[in-house]
Amino acid sequence: LLRHSTFVLPGSTELARREHVEILRAIKERNSKKAEQLARRHIR
């Protein structure tokens, strides 16, 4: 239902990419607690 993407905001693309990689690394390391914390921060 939301209009537009936040990717139009300066810096948002790089921030999302960096946070995605951090989350995936935690998943690869099988670090469940860290993956959850990073994902929650990403949504905030």
All heavy atoms as atom14 arrays in JSON, in Angstrom:
{
  "sequence": "LLRHSTFVLPGSTELARREHVEILRAIKERNSKKAEQLARRHIR",
  "atom14_mask": [
    [1, 1, 1, 1, 1, 1, 1, 1, 0, 0, 0, 0, 0, 0],
    [1, 1, 1, 1, 1, 1, 1, 1, 0, 0, 0, 0, 0, 0],
    [1, 1, 1, 1, 1, 1, 1, 1, 1, 1, 1, 0, 0, 0],
    [1, 1, 1, 1, 1, 1, 1, 1, 1, 1, 0, 0, 0, 0],
    [1, 1, 1, 1, 1, 1, 0, 0, 0, 0, 0, 0, 0, 0],
    [1, 1, 1, 1, 1, 1, 1, 0, 0, 0, 0, 0, 0, 0],
    [1, 1, 1, 1, 1, 1, 1, 1, 1, 1, 1, 0, 0, 0],
    [1, 1, 1, 1, 1, 1, 1, 0, 0, 0, 0, 0, 0, 0],
    [1, 1, 1, 1, 1, 1, 1, 1, 0, 0, 0, 0, 0, 0],
    [1, 1, 1, 1, 1, 1, 1, 0, 0, 0, 0, 0, 0, 0],
    [1, 1, 1, 1, 0, 0, 0, 0, 0, 0, 0, 0, 0, 0],
    [1, 1, 1, 1, 1, 1, 0, 0, 0, 0, 0, 0, 0, 0],
    [1, 1, 1, 1, 1, 1, 1, 0, 0, 0, 0, 0, 0, 0],
    [1, 1, 1, 1, 1, 1, 1, 1, 1, 0, 0, 0, 0, 0],
    [1, 1, 1, 1, 1, 1, 1, 1, 0, 0, 0, 0, 0, 0],
    [1, 1, 1, 1, 1, 0, 0, 0, 0, 0, 0, 0, 0, 0],
    [1, 1, 1, 1, 1, 1, 1, 1, 1, 1, 1, 0, 0, 0],
    [1, 1, 1, 1, 1, 1, 1, 1, 1, 1, 1, 0, 0, 0],
    [1, 1, 1, 1, 1, 1, 1, 1, 1, 0, 0, 0, 0, 0],
    [1, 1, 1, 1, 1, 1, 1, 1, 1, 1, 0, 0, 0, 0],
    [1, 1, 1, 1, 1, 1, 1, 0, 0, 0, 0, 0, 0, 0],
    [1, 1, 1, 1, 1, 1, 1, 1, 1, 0, 0, 0, 0, 0],
    [1, 1, 1, 1, 1, 1, 1, 1, 0, 0, 0, 0, 0, 0],
    [1, 1, 1, 1, 1, 1, 1, 1, 0, 0, 0, 0, 0, 0],
    [1, 1, 1, 1, 1, 1, 1, 1, 1, 1, 1, 0, 0, 0],
    [1, 1, 1, 1, 1, 0, 0, 0, 0, 0, 0, 0, 0, 0],
    [1, 1, 1, 1, 1, 1, 1, 1, 0, 0, 0, 0, 0, 0],
    [1, 1, 1, 1, 1, 1, 1, 1, 1, 0, 0, 0, 0, 0],
    [1, 1, 1, 1, 1, 1, 1, 1, 1, 0, 0, 0, 0, 0],
    [1, 1, 1, 1, 1, 1, 1, 1, 1, 1, 1, 0, 0, 0],
    [1, 1, 1, 1, 1, 1, 1, 1, 0, 0, 0, 0, 0, 0],
    [1, 1, 1, 1, 1, 1, 0, 0, 0, 0, 0, 0, 0, 0],
    [1, 1, 1, 1, 1, 1, 1, 1, 1, 0, 0, 0, 0, 0],
    [1, 1, 1, 1, 1, 1, 1, 1, 1, 0, 0, 0, 0, 0],
    [1, 1, 1, 1, 1, 0, 0, 0, 0, 0, 0, 0, 0, 0],
    [1, 1, 1, 1, 1, 1, 1, 1, 1, 0, 0, 0, 0, 0],
    [1, 1, 1, 1, 1, 1, 1, 1, 1, 0, 0, 0, 0, 0],
    [1, 1, 1, 1, 1, 1, 1, 1, 0, 0, 0, 0, 0, 0],
    [1, 1, 1, 1, 1, 0, 0, 0, 0, 0, 0, 0, 0, 0],
    [1, 1, 1, 1, 1, 1, 1, 1, 1, 1, 1, 0, 0, 0],
    [1, 1, 1, 1, 1, 1, 1, 1, 1, 1, 1, 0, 0, 0],
    [1, 1, 1, 1, 1, 1, 1, 1, 1, 1, 0, 0, 0, 0],
    [1, 1, 1, 1, 1, 1, 1, 1, 0, 0, 0, 0, 0, 0],
    [1, 1, 1, 1, 1, 1, 1, 1, 1, 1, 1, 0, 0, 0]
  ],
  "atom14_positions": [
    [[0.81, -1.21, 0.0], [0.0, 0.0, 0.0], [0.84, 1.27, 0.0], [0.33, 2.36, -0.24], [-0.91, 0.02, 1.25], [-1.92, -1.11, 1.39], [-2.62, -1.02, 2.74], [-2.94, -1.06, 0.26], [0.0, 0.0, 0.0], [0.0, 0.0, 0.0], [0.0, 0.0, 0.0], [0.0, 0.0, 0.0], [0.0, 0.0, 0.0], [0.0, 0.0, 0.0]],
    [[2.13, 1.13, 0.28], [2.99, 2.3, 0.41], [3.41, 2.85, -0.94], [3.74, 2.1, -1.86], [4.24, 1.94, 1.23], [3.96, 1.46, 2.65], [5.24, 0.95, 3.3], [3.35, 2.58, 3.49], [0.0, 0.0, 0.0], [0.0, 0.0, 0.0], [0.0, 0.0, 0.0], [0.0, 0.0, 0.0], [0.0, 0.0, 0.0], [0.0, 0.0, 0.0]],
    [[3.39, 4.16, -1.04], [3.82, 4.8, -2.28], [5.34, 4.92, -2.29], [5.96, 5.19, -1.28], [3.22, 6.21, -2.38], [1.73, 6.24, -2.63], [1.27, 7.65, -2.85], [1.6, 8.5, -1.71], [1.63, 9.83, -1.75], [1.39, 10.45, -2.88], [1.91, 10.53, -0.67], [0.0, 0.0, 0.0], [0.0, 0.0, 0.0], [0.0, 0.0, 0.0]],
    [[5.91, 4.75, -3.43], [7.34, 4.97, -3.65], [8.21, 3.99, -2.86], [7.76, 3.28, -1.97], [7.74, 6.41, -3.31], [6.86, 7.45, -3.91], [6.57, 7.47, -5.25], [6.2, 8.5, -3.36], [5.78, 8.5, -5.5], [5.52, 9.13, -4.38], [0.0, 0.0, 0.0], [0.0, 0.0, 0.0], [0.0, 0.0, 0.0], [0.0, 0.0, 0.0]],
    [[9.45, 3.99, -3.19], [10.45, 3.17, -2.5], [11.41, 4.08, -1.76], [11.74, 5.17, -2.23], [11.23, 2.33, -3.52], [12.42, 1.84, -2.95], [0.0, 0.0, 0.0], [0.0, 0.0, 0.0], [0.0, 0.0, 0.0], [0.0, 0.0, 0.0], [0.0, 0.0, 0.0], [0.0, 0.0, 0.0], [0.0, 0.0, 0.0], [0.0, 0.0, 0.0]],
    [[11.87, 3.63, -0.59], [12.84, 4.44, 0.16], [14.19, 4.48, -0.54], [15.06, 5.25, -0.14], [13.03, 3.89, 1.58], [13.41, 2.51, 1.51], [11.73, 4.01, 2.38], [0.0, 0.0, 0.0], [0.0, 0.0, 0.0], [0.0, 0.0, 0.0], [0.0, 0.0, 0.0], [0.0, 0.0, 0.0], [0.0, 0.0, 0.0], [0.0, 0.0, 0.0]],
    [[14.36, 3.67, -1.58], [15.63, 3.67, -2.31], [15.88, 4.98, -3.05], [16.97, 5.21, -3.56], [15.71, 2.5, -3.28], [15.85, 1.16, -2.59], [15.05, 0.09, -2.94], [16.8, 0.97, -1.59], [15.18, -1.14, -2.31], [16.93, -0.25, -0.96], [16.12, -1.31, -1.31], [0.0, 0.0, 0.0], [0.0, 0.0, 0.0], [0.0, 0.0, 0.0]],
    [[14.86, 5.83, -3.13], [15.07, 7.14, -3.77], [15.79, 8.09, -2.82], [16.28, 9.14, -3.26], [13.72, 7.76, -4.21], [13.02, 6.86, -5.21], [12.82, 8.05, -3.02], [0.0, 0.0, 0.0], [0.0, 0.0, 0.0], [0.0, 0.0, 0.0], [0.0, 0.0, 0.0], [0.0, 0.0, 0.0], [0.0, 0.0, 0.0], [0.0, 0.0, 0.0]],
    [[15.88, 7.75, -1.54], [16.54, 8.62, -0.57], [18.06, 8.43, -0.63], [18.54, 7.29, -0.71], [16.05, 8.31, 0.85], [14.57, 8.62, 1.12], [14.17, 8.11, 2.5], [14.31, 10.12, 1.02], [0.0, 0.0, 0.0], [0.0, 0.0, 0.0], [0.0, 0.0, 0.0], [0.0, 0.0, 0.0], [0.0, 0.0, 0.0], [0.0, 0.0, 0.0]],
    [[18.82, 9.5, -0.57], [20.28, 9.41, -0.63], [20.83, 8.53, 0.5], [20.43, 8.68, 1.66], [20.74, 10.87, -0.46], [19.57, 11.68, -0.92], [18.35, 10.9, -0.52], [0.0, 0.0, 0.0], [0.0, 0.0, 0.0], [0.0, 0.0, 0.0], [0.0, 0.0, 0.0], [0.0, 0.0, 0.0], [0.0, 0.0, 0.0], [0.0, 0.0, 0.0]],
    [[21.73, 7.63, 0.16], [22.38, 6.78, 1.15], [21.61, 5.53, 1.51], [22.17, 4.61, 2.14], [0.0, 0.0, 0.0], [0.0, 0.0, 0.0], [0.0, 0.0, 0.0], [0.0, 0.0, 0.0], [0.0, 0.0, 0.0], [0.0, 0.0, 0.0], [0.0, 0.0, 0.0], [0.0, 0.0, 0.0], [0.0, 0.0, 0.0], [0.0, 0.0, 0.0]],
    [[20.34, 5.45, 1.15], [19.52, 4.31, 1.56], [19.95, 3.01, 0.88], [19.91, 1.94, 1.48], [18.04, 4.58, 1.28], [17.83, 4.79, -0.11], [0.0, 0.0, 0.0], [0.0, 0.0, 0.0], [0.0, 0.0, 0.0], [0.0, 0.0, 0.0], [0.0, 0.0, 0.0], [0.0, 0.0, 0.0], [0.0, 0.0, 0.0], [0.0, 0.0, 0.0]],
    [[20.37, 3.11, -0.36], [20.77, 1.91, -1.11], [21.99, 1.26, -0.49], [22.03, 0.04, -0.26], [21.07, 2.28, -2.58], [19.9, 2.83, -3.17], [21.51, 1.06, -3.36], [0.0, 0.0, 0.0], [0.0, 0.0, 0.0], [0.0, 0.0, 0.0], [0.0, 0.0, 0.0], [0.0, 0.0, 0.0], [0.0, 0.0, 0.0], [0.0, 0.0, 0.0]],
    [[23.0, 2.07, -0.19], [24.23, 1.54, 0.39], [23.97, 0.99, 1.79], [24.52, -0.05, 2.18], [25.3, 2.63, 0.44], [26.61, 2.21, 1.1], [27.23, 0.97, 0.46], [27.04, 0.75, -0.76], [27.91, 0.22, 1.19], [0.0, 0.0, 0.0], [0.0, 0.0, 0.0], [0.0, 0.0, 0.0], [0.0, 0.0, 0.0], [0.0, 0.0, 0.0]],
    [[23.14, 1.68, 2.57], [22.81, 1.21, 3.91], [22.14, -0.16, 3.86], [22.52, -1.08, 4.6], [21.89, 2.21, 4.61], [21.36, 1.79, 5.99], [22.51, 1.66, 6.98], [20.33, 2.79, 6.51], [0.0, 0.0, 0.0], [0.0, 0.0, 0.0], [0.0, 0.0, 0.0], [0.0, 0.0, 0.0], [0.0, 0.0, 0.0], [0.0, 0.0, 0.0]],
    [[21.16, -0.32, 2.98], [20.46, -1.6, 2.86], [21.41, -2.7, 2.42], [21.38, -3.82, 2.96], [19.31, -1.46, 1.87], [0.0, 0.0, 0.0], [0.0, 0.0, 0.0], [0.0, 0.0, 0.0], [0.0, 0.0, 0.0], [0.0, 0.0, 0.0], [0.0, 0.0, 0.0], [0.0, 0.0, 0.0], [0.0, 0.0, 0.0], [0.0, 0.0, 0.0]],
    [[22.26, -2.41, 1.43], [23.18, -3.42, 0.94], [24.12, -3.88, 2.05], [24.36, -5.07, 2.23], [23.99, -2.85, -0.23], [24.84, -3.9, -0.96], [25.94, -3.25, -1.78], [26.89, -2.55, -0.93], [27.85, -3.17, -0.24], [27.98, -4.49, -0.28], [28.68, -2.47, 0.51], [0.0, 0.0, 0.0], [0.0, 0.0, 0.0], [0.0, 0.0, 0.0]],
    [[24.67, -2.91, 2.81], [25.59, -3.25, 3.88], [24.91, -4.08, 4.97], [25.47, -5.08, 5.46], [26.17, -1.96, 4.48], [27.24, -2.2, 5.54], [27.94, -0.91, 5.92], [27.02, 0.05, 6.56], [26.6, 1.17, 5.98], [26.99, 1.49, 4.75], [25.78, 1.99, 6.62], [0.0, 0.0, 0.0], [0.0, 0.0, 0.0], [0.0, 0.0, 0.0]],
    [[23.7, -3.7, 5.33], [22.99, -4.43, 6.37], [22.58, -5.82, 5.9], [22.6, -6.78, 6.69], [21.77, -3.62, 6.82], [22.16, -2.36, 7.58], [20.98, -1.56, 8.08], [19.84, -1.79, 7.59], [21.18, -0.71, 8.96], [0.0, 0.0, 0.0], [0.0, 0.0, 0.0], [0.0, 0.0, 0.0], [0.0, 0.0, 0.0], [0.0, 0.0, 0.0]],
    [[22.22, -5.95, 4.63], [21.89, -7.27, 4.1], [23.07, -8.22, 4.22], [22.93, -9.37, 4.63], [21.46, -7.15, 2.64], [20.09, -6.59, 2.45], [19.68, -6.02, 1.28], [19.02, -6.53, 3.31], [18.42, -5.62, 1.41], [18.01, -5.9, 2.62], [0.0, 0.0, 0.0], [0.0, 0.0, 0.0], [0.0, 0.0, 0.0], [0.0, 0.0, 0.0]],
    [[24.25, -7.73, 3.85], [25.46, -8.58, 3.9], [25.75, -8.99, 5.34], [26.11, -10.15, 5.61], [26.66, -7.84, 3.29], [27.96, -8.61, 3.55], [26.47, -7.63, 1.8], [0.0, 0.0, 0.0], [0.0, 0.0, 0.0], [0.0, 0.0, 0.0], [0.0, 0.0, 0.0], [0.0, 0.0, 0.0], [0.0, 0.0, 0.0], [0.0, 0.0, 0.0]],
    [[25.58, -8.08, 6.29], [25.82, -8.41, 7.7], [24.87, -9.49, 8.18], [25.27, -10.42, 8.9], [25.68, -7.15, 8.55], [26.78, -6.11, 8.34], [26.5, -4.82, 9.09], [25.36, -4.64, 9.58], [27.42, -3.99, 9.2], [0.0, 0.0, 0.0], [0.0, 0.0, 0.0], [0.0, 0.0, 0.0], [0.0, 0.0, 0.0], [0.0, 0.0, 0.0]],
    [[23.6, -9.37, 7.79], [22.61, -10.38, 8.18], [22.96, -11.74, 7.58], [22.92, -12.78, 8.26], [21.19, -9.96, 7.73], [20.75, -8.7, 8.48], [20.19, -11.09, 7.94], [19.52, -8.04, 7.88], [0.0, 0.0, 0.0], [0.0, 0.0, 0.0], [0.0, 0.0, 0.0], [0.0, 0.0, 0.0], [0.0, 0.0, 0.0], [0.0, 0.0, 0.0]],
    [[23.34, -11.74, 6.31], [23.65, -13.0, 5.64], [24.89, -13.66, 6.22], [24.97, -14.89, 6.33], [23.84, -12.76, 4.14], [22.61, -12.23, 3.38], [22.87, -12.26, 1.88], [21.36, -13.04, 3.71], [0.0, 0.0, 0.0], [0.0, 0.0, 0.0], [0.0, 0.0, 0.0], [0.0, 0.0, 0.0], [0.0, 0.0, 0.0], [0.0, 0.0, 0.0]],
    [[25.86, -12.86, 6.6], [27.05, -13.42, 7.23], [26.71, -14.09, 8.55], [27.24, -15.17, 8.88], [28.1, -12.32, 7.45], [28.82, -11.89, 6.17], [29.73, -10.72, 6.43], [30.47, -10.34, 5.22], [31.11, -9.18, 5.07], [31.12, -8.29, 6.07], [31.75, -8.93, 3.95], [0.0, 0.0, 0.0], [0.0, 0.0, 0.0], [0.0, 0.0, 0.0]],
    [[25.81, -13.48, 9.32], [25.4, -14.08, 10.59], [24.64, -15.39, 10.34], [24.81, -16.36, 11.08], [24.51, -13.1, 11.37], [0.0, 0.0, 0.0], [0.0, 0.0, 0.0], [0.0, 0.0, 0.0], [0.0, 0.0, 0.0], [0.0, 0.0, 0.0], [0.0, 0.0, 0.0], [0.0, 0.0, 0.0], [0.0, 0.0, 0.0], [0.0, 0.0, 0.0]],
    [[23.83, -15.41, 9.29], [23.12, -16.64, 8.94], [24.12, -17.72, 8.53], [24.01, -18.88, 8.96], [22.11, -16.37, 7.81], [20.96, -15.5, 8.32], [21.56, -17.69, 7.24], [19.98, -15.06, 7.25], [0.0, 0.0, 0.0], [0.0, 0.0, 0.0], [0.0, 0.0, 0.0], [0.0, 0.0, 0.0], [0.0, 0.0, 0.0], [0.0, 0.0, 0.0]],
    [[25.09, -17.35, 7.72], [26.11, -18.32, 7.27], [26.92, -18.86, 8.44], [27.31, -20.04, 8.46], [27.03, -17.66, 6.26], [28.04, -18.61, 5.63], [28.86, -17.91, 4.56], [29.85, -18.88, 3.91], [30.65, -18.22, 2.84], [0.0, 0.0, 0.0], [0.0, 0.0, 0.0], [0.0, 0.0, 0.0], [0.0, 0.0, 0.0], [0.0, 0.0, 0.0]],
    [[27.16, -18.0, 9.44], [27.92, -18.41, 10.63], [27.07, -19.23, 11.6], [27.55, -19.68, 12.63], [28.46, -17.17, 11.34], [29.52, -16.41, 10.55], [29.77, -15.01, 11.12], [29.12, -14.65, 12.13], [30.6, -14.29, 10.55], [0.0, 0.0, 0.0], [0.0, 0.0, 0.0], [0.0, 0.0, 0.0], [0.0, 0.0, 0.0], [0.0, 0.0, 0.0]],
    [[25.77, -19.37, 11.28], [24.81, -20.09, 12.12], [24.66, -19.41, 13.49], [24.39, -20.06, 14.5], [25.22, -21.55, 12.32], [25.43, -22.31, 11.02], [24.14, -22.41, 10.23], [24.32, -23.14, 8.97], [23.34, -23.38, 8.09], [22.12, -22.93, 8.33], [23.56, -24.04, 6.98], [0.0, 0.0, 0.0], [0.0, 0.0, 0.0], [0.0, 0.0, 0.0]],
    [[24.79, -18.07, 13.47], [24.66, -17.29, 14.7], [23.24, -16.72, 14.74], [22.97, -15.62, 14.25], [25.7, -16.16, 14.73], [25.77, -15.46, 16.09], [24.78, -15.37, 16.8], [26.94, -14.96, 16.42], [0.0, 0.0, 0.0], [0.0, 0.0, 0.0], [0.0, 0.0, 0.0], [0.0, 0.0, 0.0], [0.0, 0.0, 0.0], [0.0, 0.0, 0.0]],
    [[22.35, -17.48, 15.32], [20.93, -17.13, 15.3], [20.63, -15.82, 16.02], [19.88, -14.98, 15.52], [20.12, -18.27, 15.94], [18.75, -17.98, 15.93], [0.0, 0.0, 0.0], [0.0, 0.0, 0.0], [0.0, 0.0, 0.0], [0.0, 0.0, 0.0], [0.0, 0.0, 0.0], [0.0, 0.0, 0.0], [0.0, 0.0, 0.0], [0.0, 0.0, 0.0]],
    [[21.21, -15.63, 17.18], [20.96, -14.42, 17.96], [21.42, -13.17, 17.22], [20.7, -12.16, 17.15], [21.67, -14.52, 19.31], [21.4, -13.33, 20.22], [22.08, -13.52, 21.57], [21.81, -12.32, 22.49], [22.46, -12.5, 23.83], [0.0, 0.0, 0.0], [0.0, 0.0, 0.0], [0.0, 0.0, 0.0], [0.0, 0.0, 0.0], [0.0, 0.0, 0.0]],
    [[22.6, -13.24, 16.64], [23.14, -12.09, 15.92], [22.31, -11.8, 14.67], [22.03, -10.63, 14.35], [24.59, -12.35, 15.53], [25.27, -11.17, 14.85], [26.73, -11.47, 14.55], [27.41, -10.28, 13.88], [28.85, -10.59, 13.58], [0.0, 0.0, 0.0], [0.0, 0.0, 0.0], [0.0, 0.0, 0.0], [0.0, 0.0, 0.0], [0.0, 0.0, 0.0]],
    [[21.92, -12.84, 13.95], [21.11, -12.66, 12.74], [19.79, -11.96, 13.08], [19.34, -11.06, 12.36], [20.84, -14.0, 12.08], [0.0, 0.0, 0.0], [0.0, 0.0, 0.0], [0.0, 0.0, 0.0], [0.0, 0.0, 0.0], [0.0, 0.0, 0.0], [0.0, 0.0, 0.0], [0.0, 0.0, 0.0], [0.0, 0.0, 0.0], [0.0, 0.0, 0.0]],
    [[19.18, -12.39, 14.19], [17.91, -11.77, 14.59], [18.12, -10.3, 14.96], [17.34, -9.43, 14.55], [17.3, -12.51, 15.77], [16.01, -11.86, 16.25], [15.28, -12.68, 17.3], [15.71, -13.81, 17.61], [14.24, -12.18, 17.8], [0.0, 0.0, 0.0], [0.0, 0.0, 0.0], [0.0, 0.0, 0.0], [0.0, 0.0, 0.0], [0.0, 0.0, 0.0]],
    [[19.16, -10.02, 15.72], [19.42, -8.64, 16.13], [19.68, -7.74, 14.93], [19.17, -6.61, 14.86], [20.62, -8.6, 17.09], [20.34, -9.22, 18.46], [21.59, -9.3, 19.32], [22.73, -9.28, 18.82], [21.4, -9.42, 20.62], [0.0, 0.0, 0.0], [0.0, 0.0, 0.0], [0.0, 0.0, 0.0], [0.0, 0.0, 0.0], [0.0, 0.0, 0.0]],
    [[20.46, -8.22, 13.98], [20.78, -7.43, 12.8], [19.55, -7.21, 11.93], [19.36, -6.12, 11.37], [21.88, -8.12, 11.99], [23.27, -8.13, 12.64], [24.22, -9.03, 11.84], [23.85, -6.71, 12.71], [0.0, 0.0, 0.0], [0.0, 0.0, 0.0], [0.0, 0.0, 0.0], [0.0, 0.0, 0.0], [0.0, 0.0, 0.0], [0.0, 0.0, 0.0]],
    [[18.71, -8.22, 11.81], [17.49, -8.09, 11.01], [16.54, -7.09, 11.64], [15.92, -6.27, 10.94], [16.82, -9.44, 10.84], [0.0, 0.0, 0.0], [0.0, 0.0, 0.0], [0.0, 0.0, 0.0], [0.0, 0.0, 0.0], [0.0, 0.0, 0.0], [0.0, 0.0, 0.0], [0.0, 0.0, 0.0], [0.0, 0.0, 0.0], [0.0, 0.0, 0.0]],
    [[16.42, -7.14, 12.94], [15.54, -6.18, 13.63], [16.06, -4.75, 13.48], [15.28, -3.81, 13.26], [15.4, -6.57, 15.11], [14.66, -7.88, 15.32], [14.47, -8.18, 16.8], [13.56, -7.2, 17.41], [12.53, -7.53, 18.21], [12.26, -8.8, 18.45], [11.78, -6.6, 18.73], [0.0, 0.0, 0.0], [0.0, 0.0, 0.0], [0.0, 0.0, 0.0]],
    [[17.37, -4.59, 13.57], [17.95, -3.25, 13.37], [17.69, -2.76, 11.96], [17.39, -1.58, 11.73], [19.46, -3.29, 13.64], [20.13, -1.93, 13.55], [21.63, -2.04, 13.59], [22.16, -2.68, 12.38], [23.46, -2.8, 12.11], [24.37, -2.35, 12.96], [23.85, -3.38, 11.0], [0.0, 0.0, 0.0], [0.0, 0.0, 0.0], [0.0, 0.0, 0.0]],
    [[17.81, -3.67, 11.0], [17.57, -3.33, 9.59], [16.14, -2.79, 9.4], [15.93, -1.79, 8.68], [17.79, -4.59, 8.74], [17.51, -4.41, 7.29], [18.15, -3.46, 6.51], [16.68, -5.08, 6.45], [17.71, -3.55, 5.26], [16.81, -4.52, 5.21], [0.0, 0.0, 0.0], [0.0, 0.0, 0.0], [0.0, 0.0, 0.0], [0.0, 0.0, 0.0]],
    [[15.17, -3.41, 10.02], [13.78, -2.96, 9.89], [13.55, -1.65, 10.62], [12.79, -0.79, 10.15], [12.8, -4.04, 10.39], [13.0, -5.34, 9.59], [11.36, -3.55, 10.27], [12.88, -5.16, 8.08], [0.0, 0.0, 0.0], [0.0, 0.0, 0.0], [0.0, 0.0, 0.0], [0.0, 0.0, 0.0], [0.0, 0.0, 0.0], [0.0, 0.0, 0.0]],
    [[14.21, -1.44, 11.74], [14.09, -0.14, 12.42], [14.63, 0.98, 11.54], [14.05, 2.07, 11.46], [14.84, -0.17, 13.76], [14.16, -1.03, 14.82], [14.71, -0.72, 16.22], [16.13, -1.04, 16.33], [16.61, -2.23, 16.69], [15.77, -3.24, 16.94], [17.9, -2.42, 16.8], [0.0, 0.0, 0.0], [0.0, 0.0, 0.0], [0.0, 0.0, 0.0]]
  ]
}
